[in-house]
Amino acid sequence: MKIKTLLAFTAFTFSISAVSANDELRGCYSIKSGTGGSSAIPLNPMNSDSIEGSFEQMGQYEIHLIKAKSTNKPKAALKMDGPFKGEIIGQNEYGITFLNHVLGSSDKAGLIFTSNDVAIPLGFPDKKGQIPISETMNPVKGTGKFKYLDSANSNIQVNGVINMVTGKNQFDGMAGTLCFK
């Protein structure tokens, strides 16, 4: 019985290693489209109706990419999706907010870390507390299938609406490039 268990474990471990090695991304991809949504994390979980002072958000994203130098008709080459976490690291007197993010993958095969992202308000809050924003995310490091991330040639541009009352945020416009060495 012990030998069967050891053989099964060895086969399972080998298959995970083989899949991980094959899934590592290489080359440059243009972001064709994408969406995302998040909720602010209350400072005091016992008072979850208040997002006042919240500096973290959690949500889900989906990005569709095409190979940047494709000679054929562009086809969706890759879909990235999964959970993400954002953290506000600062804000200036003009309302520009600086953040860091972690993008997970739904297959749990890697993470992308961003740093010093810049969110610029494109107006003032409406009656519902919604503010249009444009955010530039700066990917700096990848793990797992994203480990060859080329930070010098990667960026993600996100447009959407944040809600200062409910803490619910929606992002519908995405563009940019993700490159892997």
N, C-alpha and C. Protein backbone atom coordinates (compact mmCIF):
# COMPACT_ATOMS: atom_id res chain seq x y z
N MET A 1 0.82 -1.20 0.00
CA MET A 1 0.00 0.00 0.00
C MET A 1 0.87 1.27 0.00
N LYS A 2 1.96 1.25 0.74
CA LYS A 2 2.83 2.42 0.81
C LYS A 2 3.46 2.71 -0.55
N ILE A 3 3.83 1.68 -1.30
CA ILE A 3 4.46 1.89 -2.60
C ILE A 3 3.46 2.50 -3.57
N LYS A 4 2.19 2.05 -3.56
CA LYS A 4 1.17 2.63 -4.43
C LYS A 4 0.95 4.10 -4.11
N THR A 5 0.91 4.42 -2.83
CA THR A 5 0.73 5.81 -2.41
C THR A 5 1.91 6.66 -2.88
N LEU A 6 3.12 6.15 -2.72
CA LEU A 6 4.31 6.88 -3.14
C LEU A 6 4.32 7.07 -4.66
N LEU A 7 3.96 6.04 -5.42
CA LEU A 7 3.91 6.15 -6.87
C LEU A 7 2.85 7.15 -7.31
N ALA A 8 1.69 7.11 -6.67
CA ALA A 8 0.61 8.05 -7.02
C ALA A 8 1.05 9.48 -6.71
N PHE A 9 1.67 9.69 -5.57
CA PHE A 9 2.15 11.02 -5.21
C PHE A 9 3.21 11.51 -6.19
N THR A 10 4.14 10.61 -6.57
CA THR A 10 5.20 10.98 -7.52
C THR A 10 4.59 11.35 -8.87
N ALA A 11 3.64 10.57 -9.36
CA ALA A 11 2.99 10.87 -10.64
C ALA A 11 2.24 12.19 -10.56
N PHE A 12 1.54 12.44 -9.44
CA PHE A 12 0.80 13.69 -9.26
C PHE A 12 1.76 14.88 -9.24
N THR A 13 2.86 14.76 -8.51
CA THR A 13 3.84 15.84 -8.42
C THR A 13 4.46 16.11 -9.78
N PHE A 14 4.78 15.06 -10.53
CA PHE A 14 5.37 15.22 -11.85
C PHE A 14 4.39 15.94 -12.78
N SER A 15 3.12 15.57 -12.74
CA SER A 15 2.14 16.19 -13.64
C SER A 15 1.96 17.67 -13.30
N ILE A 16 2.00 18.05 -12.03
CA ILE A 16 1.90 19.46 -11.65
C ILE A 16 3.12 20.22 -12.18
N SER A 17 4.33 19.65 -12.03
CA SER A 17 5.54 20.30 -12.51
C SER A 17 5.50 20.50 -14.02
N ALA A 18 5.05 19.49 -14.75
CA ALA A 18 5.01 19.57 -16.20
C ALA A 18 4.03 20.65 -16.66
N VAL A 19 2.87 20.71 -16.02
CA VAL A 19 1.88 21.72 -16.40
C VAL A 19 2.41 23.12 -16.09
N SER A 20 3.02 23.31 -14.94
CA SER A 20 3.53 24.63 -14.58
C SER A 20 4.60 25.10 -15.56
N ALA A 21 5.50 24.21 -15.95
CA ALA A 21 6.56 24.59 -16.87
C ALA A 21 5.99 24.96 -18.23
N ASN A 22 4.96 24.26 -18.69
CA ASN A 22 4.38 24.54 -20.00
C ASN A 22 3.54 25.81 -20.02
N ASP A 23 3.04 26.25 -18.89
CA ASP A 23 2.17 27.40 -18.83
C ASP A 23 2.90 28.73 -18.66
N GLU A 24 4.22 28.71 -18.52
CA GLU A 24 4.97 29.95 -18.35
C GLU A 24 4.83 30.81 -19.61
N LEU A 25 4.50 32.06 -19.42
CA LEU A 25 4.25 32.95 -20.55
C LEU A 25 5.53 33.55 -21.08
N ARG A 26 5.58 33.71 -22.41
CA ARG A 26 6.71 34.34 -23.10
C ARG A 26 6.16 35.27 -24.16
N GLY A 27 6.89 36.35 -24.48
CA GLY A 27 6.48 37.27 -25.53
C GLY A 27 5.63 38.40 -24.98
N CYS A 28 5.18 39.28 -25.89
CA CYS A 28 4.35 40.43 -25.51
C CYS A 28 2.92 40.23 -25.96
N TYR A 29 2.00 40.67 -25.11
CA TYR A 29 0.56 40.57 -25.38
C TYR A 29 -0.06 41.95 -25.20
N SER A 30 -0.92 42.31 -26.14
CA SER A 30 -1.68 43.57 -26.03
C SER A 30 -3.01 43.27 -25.36
N ILE A 31 -3.39 44.15 -24.44
CA ILE A 31 -4.68 43.99 -23.78
C ILE A 31 -5.76 44.47 -24.73
N LYS A 32 -6.64 43.54 -25.12
CA LYS A 32 -7.72 43.86 -26.06
C LYS A 32 -8.93 44.41 -25.32
N SER A 33 -9.25 43.82 -24.18
CA SER A 33 -10.39 44.28 -23.38
C SER A 33 -10.27 43.70 -21.98
N GLY A 34 -11.14 44.16 -21.12
CA GLY A 34 -11.14 43.63 -19.76
C GLY A 34 -12.16 44.33 -18.89
N THR A 35 -12.47 43.69 -17.79
CA THR A 35 -13.40 44.25 -16.81
C THR A 35 -12.89 43.89 -15.41
N GLY A 36 -13.41 44.60 -14.46
CA GLY A 36 -13.08 44.30 -13.07
C GLY A 36 -14.07 44.96 -12.14
N GLY A 37 -14.16 44.44 -10.97
CA GLY A 37 -15.02 45.02 -9.95
C GLY A 37 -14.43 44.74 -8.59
N SER A 38 -14.61 45.66 -7.66
CA SER A 38 -14.05 45.46 -6.33
C SER A 38 -14.94 46.10 -5.27
N SER A 39 -14.64 45.72 -4.06
CA SER A 39 -15.31 46.31 -2.89
C SER A 39 -14.24 46.77 -1.91
N ALA A 40 -14.47 47.93 -1.33
CA ALA A 40 -13.56 48.44 -0.31
C ALA A 40 -13.67 47.56 0.94
N ILE A 41 -12.55 47.36 1.60
CA ILE A 41 -12.53 46.59 2.85
C ILE A 41 -12.64 47.58 4.00
N PRO A 42 -13.71 47.46 4.80
CA PRO A 42 -13.88 48.40 5.92
C PRO A 42 -12.74 48.28 6.94
N LEU A 43 -12.37 49.42 7.52
CA LEU A 43 -11.35 49.40 8.57
C LEU A 43 -11.84 48.61 9.78
N ASN A 44 -13.12 48.74 10.09
CA ASN A 44 -13.71 48.05 11.21
C ASN A 44 -14.73 47.05 10.69
N PRO A 45 -14.38 45.76 10.61
CA PRO A 45 -15.31 44.77 10.08
C PRO A 45 -16.64 44.70 10.82
N MET A 46 -16.65 45.13 12.08
CA MET A 46 -17.90 45.10 12.86
C MET A 46 -18.86 46.19 12.39
N ASN A 47 -18.35 47.18 11.64
CA ASN A 47 -19.18 48.25 11.10
C ASN A 47 -19.00 48.26 9.58
N SER A 48 -19.44 47.18 8.93
CA SER A 48 -19.17 47.00 7.50
C SER A 48 -19.95 47.97 6.62
N ASP A 49 -20.85 48.77 7.19
CA ASP A 49 -21.57 49.75 6.40
C ASP A 49 -20.73 50.99 6.11
N SER A 50 -19.63 51.15 6.83
CA SER A 50 -18.80 52.34 6.66
C SER A 50 -17.49 51.97 5.97
N ILE A 51 -17.20 52.69 4.86
CA ILE A 51 -15.90 52.48 4.19
C ILE A 51 -14.96 53.64 4.48
N GLU A 52 -15.37 54.52 5.38
CA GLU A 52 -14.54 55.67 5.71
C GLU A 52 -13.16 55.23 6.17
N GLY A 53 -12.14 55.79 5.55
CA GLY A 53 -10.76 55.48 5.91
C GLY A 53 -10.24 54.19 5.30
N SER A 54 -11.07 53.50 4.53
CA SER A 54 -10.64 52.24 3.92
C SER A 54 -9.49 52.48 2.96
N PHE A 55 -8.47 51.64 3.02
CA PHE A 55 -7.34 51.79 2.11
C PHE A 55 -7.05 50.48 1.36
N GLU A 56 -7.95 49.50 1.47
CA GLU A 56 -7.78 48.25 0.74
C GLU A 56 -9.06 47.89 0.01
N GLN A 57 -8.89 47.16 -1.10
CA GLN A 57 -10.03 46.66 -1.86
C GLN A 57 -9.73 45.24 -2.32
N MET A 58 -10.78 44.46 -2.49
CA MET A 58 -10.65 43.12 -3.05
C MET A 58 -11.69 42.98 -4.15
N GLY A 59 -11.34 42.23 -5.20
CA GLY A 59 -12.28 42.07 -6.28
C GLY A 59 -11.89 40.98 -7.25
N GLN A 60 -12.54 41.01 -8.40
CA GLN A 60 -12.30 40.06 -9.49
C GLN A 60 -11.99 40.84 -10.76
N TYR A 61 -11.17 40.26 -11.63
CA TYR A 61 -10.85 40.90 -12.90
C TYR A 61 -10.85 39.85 -14.00
N GLU A 62 -10.94 40.33 -15.24
CA GLU A 62 -10.80 39.49 -16.42
C GLU A 62 -10.16 40.34 -17.51
N ILE A 63 -9.08 39.85 -18.09
CA ILE A 63 -8.36 40.57 -19.15
C ILE A 63 -8.20 39.65 -20.35
N HIS A 64 -8.52 40.15 -21.55
CA HIS A 64 -8.34 39.41 -22.79
C HIS A 64 -7.14 40.00 -23.52
N LEU A 65 -6.20 39.14 -23.88
CA LEU A 65 -4.96 39.57 -24.51
C LEU A 65 -4.79 38.91 -25.88
N ILE A 66 -4.09 39.60 -26.77
CA ILE A 66 -3.70 39.02 -28.04
C ILE A 66 -2.19 39.17 -28.19
N LYS A 67 -1.58 38.26 -28.91
CA LYS A 67 -0.13 38.32 -29.14
C LYS A 67 0.17 39.63 -29.85
N ALA A 68 1.12 40.40 -29.35
CA ALA A 68 1.38 41.76 -29.86
C ALA A 68 1.87 41.77 -31.30
N LYS A 69 2.67 40.80 -31.70
CA LYS A 69 3.22 40.81 -33.06
C LYS A 69 2.64 39.67 -33.88
N SER A 70 1.33 39.52 -33.83
CA SER A 70 0.67 38.46 -34.57
C SER A 70 0.50 38.88 -36.03
N THR A 71 0.91 38.02 -36.96
CA THR A 71 0.78 38.32 -38.39
C THR A 71 -0.60 37.96 -38.91
N ASN A 72 -1.28 37.06 -38.25
CA ASN A 72 -2.63 36.68 -38.65
C ASN A 72 -3.63 37.66 -38.10
N LYS A 73 -4.91 37.46 -38.46
CA LYS A 73 -5.97 38.26 -37.86
C LYS A 73 -5.88 38.12 -36.35
N PRO A 74 -5.97 39.23 -35.63
CA PRO A 74 -5.87 39.12 -34.17
C PRO A 74 -6.97 38.25 -33.57
N LYS A 75 -6.58 37.29 -32.80
CA LYS A 75 -7.51 36.43 -32.08
C LYS A 75 -7.16 36.50 -30.61
N ALA A 76 -8.14 36.33 -29.77
CA ALA A 76 -7.86 36.31 -28.33
C ALA A 76 -6.92 35.15 -28.05
N ALA A 77 -5.72 35.45 -27.65
CA ALA A 77 -4.72 34.43 -27.42
C ALA A 77 -4.71 33.95 -25.98
N LEU A 78 -5.18 34.79 -25.09
CA LEU A 78 -5.05 34.47 -23.68
C LEU A 78 -6.11 35.22 -22.89
N LYS A 79 -6.68 34.54 -21.92
CA LYS A 79 -7.59 35.20 -20.98
C LYS A 79 -7.00 35.03 -19.59
N MET A 80 -6.79 36.16 -18.93
CA MET A 80 -6.36 36.15 -17.53
C MET A 80 -7.55 36.56 -16.69
N ASP A 81 -7.78 35.84 -15.62
CA ASP A 81 -8.84 36.24 -14.70
C ASP A 81 -8.54 35.69 -13.32
N GLY A 82 -9.20 36.28 -12.35
CA GLY A 82 -9.02 35.83 -10.99
C GLY A 82 -9.25 36.94 -9.98
N PRO A 83 -8.85 36.70 -8.77
CA PRO A 83 -9.03 37.71 -7.72
C PRO A 83 -7.92 38.75 -7.77
N PHE A 84 -8.20 39.91 -7.21
CA PHE A 84 -7.14 40.90 -7.04
C PHE A 84 -7.35 41.64 -5.73
N LYS A 85 -6.24 42.19 -5.24
CA LYS A 85 -6.27 43.02 -4.03
C LYS A 85 -5.54 44.30 -4.35
N GLY A 86 -6.09 45.42 -3.93
CA GLY A 86 -5.45 46.71 -4.10
C GLY A 86 -5.27 47.38 -2.75
N GLU A 87 -4.19 48.14 -2.62
CA GLU A 87 -3.92 48.85 -1.37
C GLU A 87 -3.45 50.26 -1.69
N ILE A 88 -4.13 51.24 -1.10
CA ILE A 88 -3.73 52.63 -1.25
C ILE A 88 -2.47 52.86 -0.42
N ILE A 89 -1.43 53.44 -1.08
CA ILE A 89 -0.18 53.70 -0.37
C ILE A 89 0.07 55.19 -0.20
N GLY A 90 -0.78 56.02 -0.81
CA GLY A 90 -0.61 57.45 -0.65
C GLY A 90 -1.57 58.23 -1.53
N GLN A 91 -1.66 59.53 -1.27
CA GLN A 91 -2.51 60.42 -2.05
C GLN A 91 -1.91 61.82 -1.97
N ASN A 92 -1.99 62.57 -3.09
CA ASN A 92 -1.46 63.92 -3.05
C ASN A 92 -2.58 64.95 -2.91
N GLU A 93 -2.22 66.21 -2.87
CA GLU A 93 -3.20 67.28 -2.65
C GLU A 93 -4.17 67.46 -3.81
N TYR A 94 -3.89 66.86 -4.96
CA TYR A 94 -4.77 66.98 -6.13
C TYR A 94 -5.75 65.81 -6.25
N GLY A 95 -5.74 64.92 -5.27
CA GLY A 95 -6.64 63.77 -5.29
C GLY A 95 -6.10 62.58 -6.06
N ILE A 96 -4.88 62.67 -6.56
CA ILE A 96 -4.26 61.54 -7.25
C ILE A 96 -3.86 60.52 -6.19
N THR A 97 -4.26 59.27 -6.42
CA THR A 97 -4.03 58.21 -5.45
C THR A 97 -2.98 57.24 -5.98
N PHE A 98 -2.12 56.77 -5.09
CA PHE A 98 -1.07 55.83 -5.44
C PHE A 98 -1.37 54.50 -4.76
N LEU A 99 -1.25 53.42 -5.53
CA LEU A 99 -1.65 52.10 -5.04
C LEU A 99 -0.65 51.02 -5.43
N ASN A 100 -0.76 49.88 -4.77
CA ASN A 100 -0.10 48.63 -5.15
C ASN A 100 -1.21 47.60 -5.31
N HIS A 101 -1.02 46.66 -6.23
CA HIS A 101 -2.00 45.60 -6.46
C HIS A 101 -1.31 44.24 -6.51
N VAL A 102 -2.10 43.21 -6.24
CA VAL A 102 -1.71 41.83 -6.50
C VAL A 102 -2.83 41.22 -7.33
N LEU A 103 -2.48 40.72 -8.54
CA LEU A 103 -3.44 40.05 -9.41
C LEU A 103 -3.20 38.55 -9.31
N GLY A 104 -4.22 37.82 -8.91
CA GLY A 104 -4.12 36.37 -8.85
C GLY A 104 -4.61 35.76 -10.15
N SER A 105 -4.43 34.46 -10.31
CA SER A 105 -4.96 33.77 -11.48
C SER A 105 -5.96 32.72 -11.00
N SER A 106 -7.05 32.57 -11.76
CA SER A 106 -8.10 31.65 -11.34
C SER A 106 -7.60 30.21 -11.25
N ASP A 107 -6.54 29.87 -12.01
CA ASP A 107 -5.99 28.52 -11.94
C ASP A 107 -4.94 28.39 -10.83
N LYS A 108 -4.74 29.46 -10.07
CA LYS A 108 -3.82 29.48 -8.93
C LYS A 108 -2.39 29.15 -9.34
N ALA A 109 -2.02 29.51 -10.59
CA ALA A 109 -0.70 29.16 -11.11
C ALA A 109 0.26 30.34 -11.14
N GLY A 110 -0.11 31.49 -10.57
CA GLY A 110 0.82 32.61 -10.55
C GLY A 110 0.18 33.90 -10.07
N LEU A 111 1.03 34.86 -9.75
CA LEU A 111 0.61 36.18 -9.29
C LEU A 111 1.37 37.24 -10.09
N ILE A 112 0.73 38.41 -10.26
CA ILE A 112 1.40 39.58 -10.79
C ILE A 112 1.30 40.67 -9.74
N PHE A 113 2.45 41.27 -9.39
CA PHE A 113 2.50 42.35 -8.41
C PHE A 113 2.71 43.67 -9.15
N THR A 114 1.98 44.70 -8.74
CA THR A 114 2.18 46.04 -9.31
C THR A 114 2.66 46.96 -8.19
N SER A 115 3.25 48.09 -8.59
CA SER A 115 3.79 49.02 -7.60
C SER A 115 3.66 50.45 -8.10
N ASN A 116 3.36 51.34 -7.17
CA ASN A 116 3.24 52.77 -7.47
C ASN A 116 2.28 53.05 -8.63
N ASP A 117 1.13 52.37 -8.62
CA ASP A 117 0.10 52.62 -9.61
C ASP A 117 -0.51 53.99 -9.34
N VAL A 118 -1.00 54.63 -10.38
CA VAL A 118 -1.51 55.99 -10.25
C VAL A 118 -2.97 56.04 -10.70
N ALA A 119 -3.86 56.45 -9.80
CA ALA A 119 -5.29 56.61 -10.11
C ALA A 119 -5.61 58.10 -10.10
N ILE A 120 -6.09 58.59 -11.25
CA ILE A 120 -6.40 60.01 -11.40
C ILE A 120 -7.90 60.19 -11.51
N PRO A 121 -8.51 60.99 -10.61
CA PRO A 121 -9.94 61.27 -10.75
C PRO A 121 -10.19 62.12 -11.99
N LEU A 122 -11.24 61.78 -12.73
CA LEU A 122 -11.58 62.51 -13.96
C LEU A 122 -12.79 63.41 -13.76
N GLY A 123 -13.08 63.74 -12.53
CA GLY A 123 -14.23 64.58 -12.23
C GLY A 123 -14.48 64.58 -10.73
N PHE A 124 -15.69 65.00 -10.38
CA PHE A 124 -16.10 65.07 -8.99
C PHE A 124 -17.19 64.05 -8.73
N PRO A 125 -17.43 63.70 -7.46
CA PRO A 125 -18.48 62.73 -7.17
C PRO A 125 -19.85 63.23 -7.65
N ASP A 126 -20.63 62.30 -8.22
CA ASP A 126 -22.01 62.64 -8.58
C ASP A 126 -22.89 62.44 -7.36
N LYS A 127 -24.21 62.52 -7.52
CA LYS A 127 -25.14 62.39 -6.39
C LYS A 127 -25.06 61.04 -5.71
N LYS A 128 -24.60 60.01 -6.44
CA LYS A 128 -24.48 58.66 -5.88
C LYS A 128 -23.11 58.40 -5.26
N GLY A 129 -22.20 59.39 -5.36
CA GLY A 129 -20.85 59.24 -4.82
C GLY A 129 -19.87 58.61 -5.79
N GLN A 130 -20.26 58.50 -7.06
CA GLN A 130 -19.39 57.88 -8.06
C GLN A 130 -18.46 58.90 -8.69
N ILE A 131 -17.20 58.48 -8.86
CA ILE A 131 -16.18 59.33 -9.47
C ILE A 131 -15.53 58.54 -10.60
N PRO A 132 -15.51 59.08 -11.83
CA PRO A 132 -14.77 58.40 -12.90
C PRO A 132 -13.27 58.53 -12.65
N ILE A 133 -12.54 57.45 -12.93
CA ILE A 133 -11.09 57.48 -12.73
C ILE A 133 -10.37 56.83 -13.92
N SER A 134 -9.11 57.19 -14.04
CA SER A 134 -8.21 56.53 -14.98
C SER A 134 -7.01 56.09 -14.15
N GLU A 135 -6.66 54.83 -14.27
CA GLU A 135 -5.58 54.28 -13.44
C GLU A 135 -4.54 53.59 -14.32
N THR A 136 -3.29 53.87 -14.04
CA THR A 136 -2.18 53.19 -14.71
C THR A 136 -1.52 52.27 -13.70
N MET A 137 -1.52 50.98 -14.03
CA MET A 137 -0.90 49.98 -13.16
C MET A 137 0.46 49.61 -13.73
N ASN A 138 1.44 49.48 -12.84
CA ASN A 138 2.82 49.20 -13.23
C ASN A 138 3.24 47.82 -12.72
N PRO A 139 3.06 46.77 -13.54
CA PRO A 139 3.49 45.43 -13.13
C PRO A 139 5.00 45.39 -12.91
N VAL A 140 5.43 44.86 -11.76
CA VAL A 140 6.86 44.84 -11.43
C VAL A 140 7.43 43.44 -11.22
N LYS A 141 6.57 42.47 -10.91
CA LYS A 141 7.08 41.13 -10.59
C LYS A 141 5.99 40.11 -10.84
N GLY A 142 6.39 38.92 -11.26
CA GLY A 142 5.46 37.83 -11.45
C GLY A 142 5.98 36.58 -10.79
N THR A 143 5.07 35.68 -10.45
CA THR A 143 5.44 34.37 -9.91
C THR A 143 4.75 33.31 -10.75
N GLY A 144 5.18 32.07 -10.60
CA GLY A 144 4.55 30.96 -11.31
C GLY A 144 4.59 31.19 -12.81
N LYS A 145 3.45 31.06 -13.47
CA LYS A 145 3.42 31.20 -14.93
C LYS A 145 3.73 32.62 -15.40
N PHE A 146 3.72 33.58 -14.48
CA PHE A 146 4.05 34.97 -14.81
C PHE A 146 5.49 35.34 -14.42
N LYS A 147 6.31 34.37 -14.06
CA LYS A 147 7.64 34.66 -13.49
C LYS A 147 8.59 35.38 -14.44
N TYR A 148 8.34 35.32 -15.74
CA TYR A 148 9.21 36.01 -16.69
C TYR A 148 8.68 37.39 -17.06
N LEU A 149 7.84 37.97 -16.21
CA LEU A 149 7.28 39.30 -16.46
C LEU A 149 8.40 40.30 -16.76
N ASP A 150 8.22 41.07 -17.83
CA ASP A 150 9.17 42.11 -18.22
C ASP A 150 8.57 43.44 -17.78
N SER A 151 8.96 43.89 -16.60
CA SER A 151 8.34 45.09 -16.01
C SER A 151 8.61 46.35 -16.83
N ALA A 152 9.74 46.42 -17.51
CA ALA A 152 10.08 47.62 -18.28
C ALA A 152 9.16 47.83 -19.47
N ASN A 153 8.53 46.75 -19.95
CA ASN A 153 7.68 46.84 -21.14
C ASN A 153 6.22 46.50 -20.87
N SER A 154 5.82 46.51 -19.61
CA SER A 154 4.46 46.14 -19.25
C SER A 154 3.74 47.29 -18.55
N ASN A 155 2.46 47.47 -18.87
CA ASN A 155 1.61 48.43 -18.16
C ASN A 155 0.16 48.05 -18.41
N ILE A 156 -0.69 48.42 -17.50
CA ILE A 156 -2.12 48.17 -17.62
C ILE A 156 -2.84 49.48 -17.37
N GLN A 157 -3.65 49.91 -18.33
CA GLN A 157 -4.45 51.13 -18.21
C GLN A 157 -5.89 50.72 -17.91
N VAL A 158 -6.46 51.25 -16.83
CA VAL A 158 -7.81 50.89 -16.40
C VAL A 158 -8.65 52.15 -16.28
N ASN A 159 -9.86 52.11 -16.82
CA ASN A 159 -10.81 53.21 -16.66
C ASN A 159 -12.07 52.66 -16.01
N GLY A 160 -12.65 53.45 -15.15
CA GLY A 160 -13.85 52.99 -14.48
C GLY A 160 -14.41 54.03 -13.54
N VAL A 161 -15.20 53.53 -12.59
CA VAL A 161 -15.88 54.38 -11.63
C VAL A 161 -15.67 53.80 -10.24
N ILE A 162 -15.25 54.66 -9.31
CA ILE A 162 -15.20 54.25 -7.90
C ILE A 162 -16.35 54.93 -7.18
N ASN A 163 -16.87 54.29 -6.17
CA ASN A 163 -17.98 54.85 -5.42
C ASN A 163 -17.54 55.13 -3.99
N MET A 164 -17.53 56.40 -3.65
CA MET A 164 -17.05 56.84 -2.33
C MET A 164 -18.06 56.58 -1.22
N VAL A 165 -19.30 56.22 -1.58
CA VAL A 165 -20.33 55.96 -0.58
C VAL A 165 -20.44 54.47 -0.28
N THR A 166 -20.58 53.67 -1.34
CA THR A 166 -20.79 52.23 -1.16
C THR A 166 -19.49 51.42 -1.11
N GLY A 167 -18.40 51.98 -1.67
CA GLY A 167 -17.15 51.23 -1.75
C GLY A 167 -17.12 50.22 -2.87
N LYS A 168 -18.17 50.18 -3.69
CA LYS A 168 -18.23 49.26 -4.84
C LYS A 168 -17.66 49.98 -6.05
N ASN A 169 -16.70 49.36 -6.71
CA ASN A 169 -16.00 49.97 -7.83
C ASN A 169 -16.15 49.11 -9.07
N GLN A 170 -16.27 49.74 -10.23
CA GLN A 170 -16.43 49.00 -11.48
C GLN A 170 -15.46 49.55 -12.52
N PHE A 171 -14.75 48.65 -13.18
CA PHE A 171 -13.77 49.02 -14.20
C PHE A 171 -14.13 48.30 -15.49
N ASP A 172 -14.39 49.06 -16.55
CA ASP A 172 -14.85 48.46 -17.80
C ASP A 172 -13.91 48.69 -18.98
N GLY A 173 -13.01 49.61 -18.88
CA GLY A 173 -12.09 49.86 -19.99
C GLY A 173 -10.68 49.48 -19.59
N MET A 174 -10.07 48.59 -20.37
CA MET A 174 -8.69 48.19 -20.08
C MET A 174 -7.88 48.21 -21.37
N ALA A 175 -6.63 48.60 -21.26
CA ALA A 175 -5.69 48.61 -22.38
C ALA A 175 -4.30 48.41 -21.81
N GLY A 176 -3.31 48.31 -22.69
CA GLY A 176 -1.94 48.20 -22.23
C GLY A 176 -1.25 47.00 -22.85
N THR A 177 -0.12 46.64 -22.24
CA THR A 177 0.72 45.55 -22.73
C THR A 177 1.29 44.78 -21.56
N LEU A 178 1.31 43.47 -21.68
CA LEU A 178 2.01 42.62 -20.72
C LEU A 178 3.06 41.84 -21.49
N CYS A 179 4.32 42.00 -21.09
CA CYS A 179 5.42 41.31 -21.76
C CYS A 179 6.11 40.37 -20.80
N PHE A 180 6.59 39.27 -21.36
CA PHE A 180 7.30 38.25 -20.60
C PHE A 180 8.57 37.89 -21.37
N LYS A 181 9.70 37.87 -20.68
CA LYS A 181 11.01 37.61 -21.33
C LYS A 181 11.13 36.17 -21.77
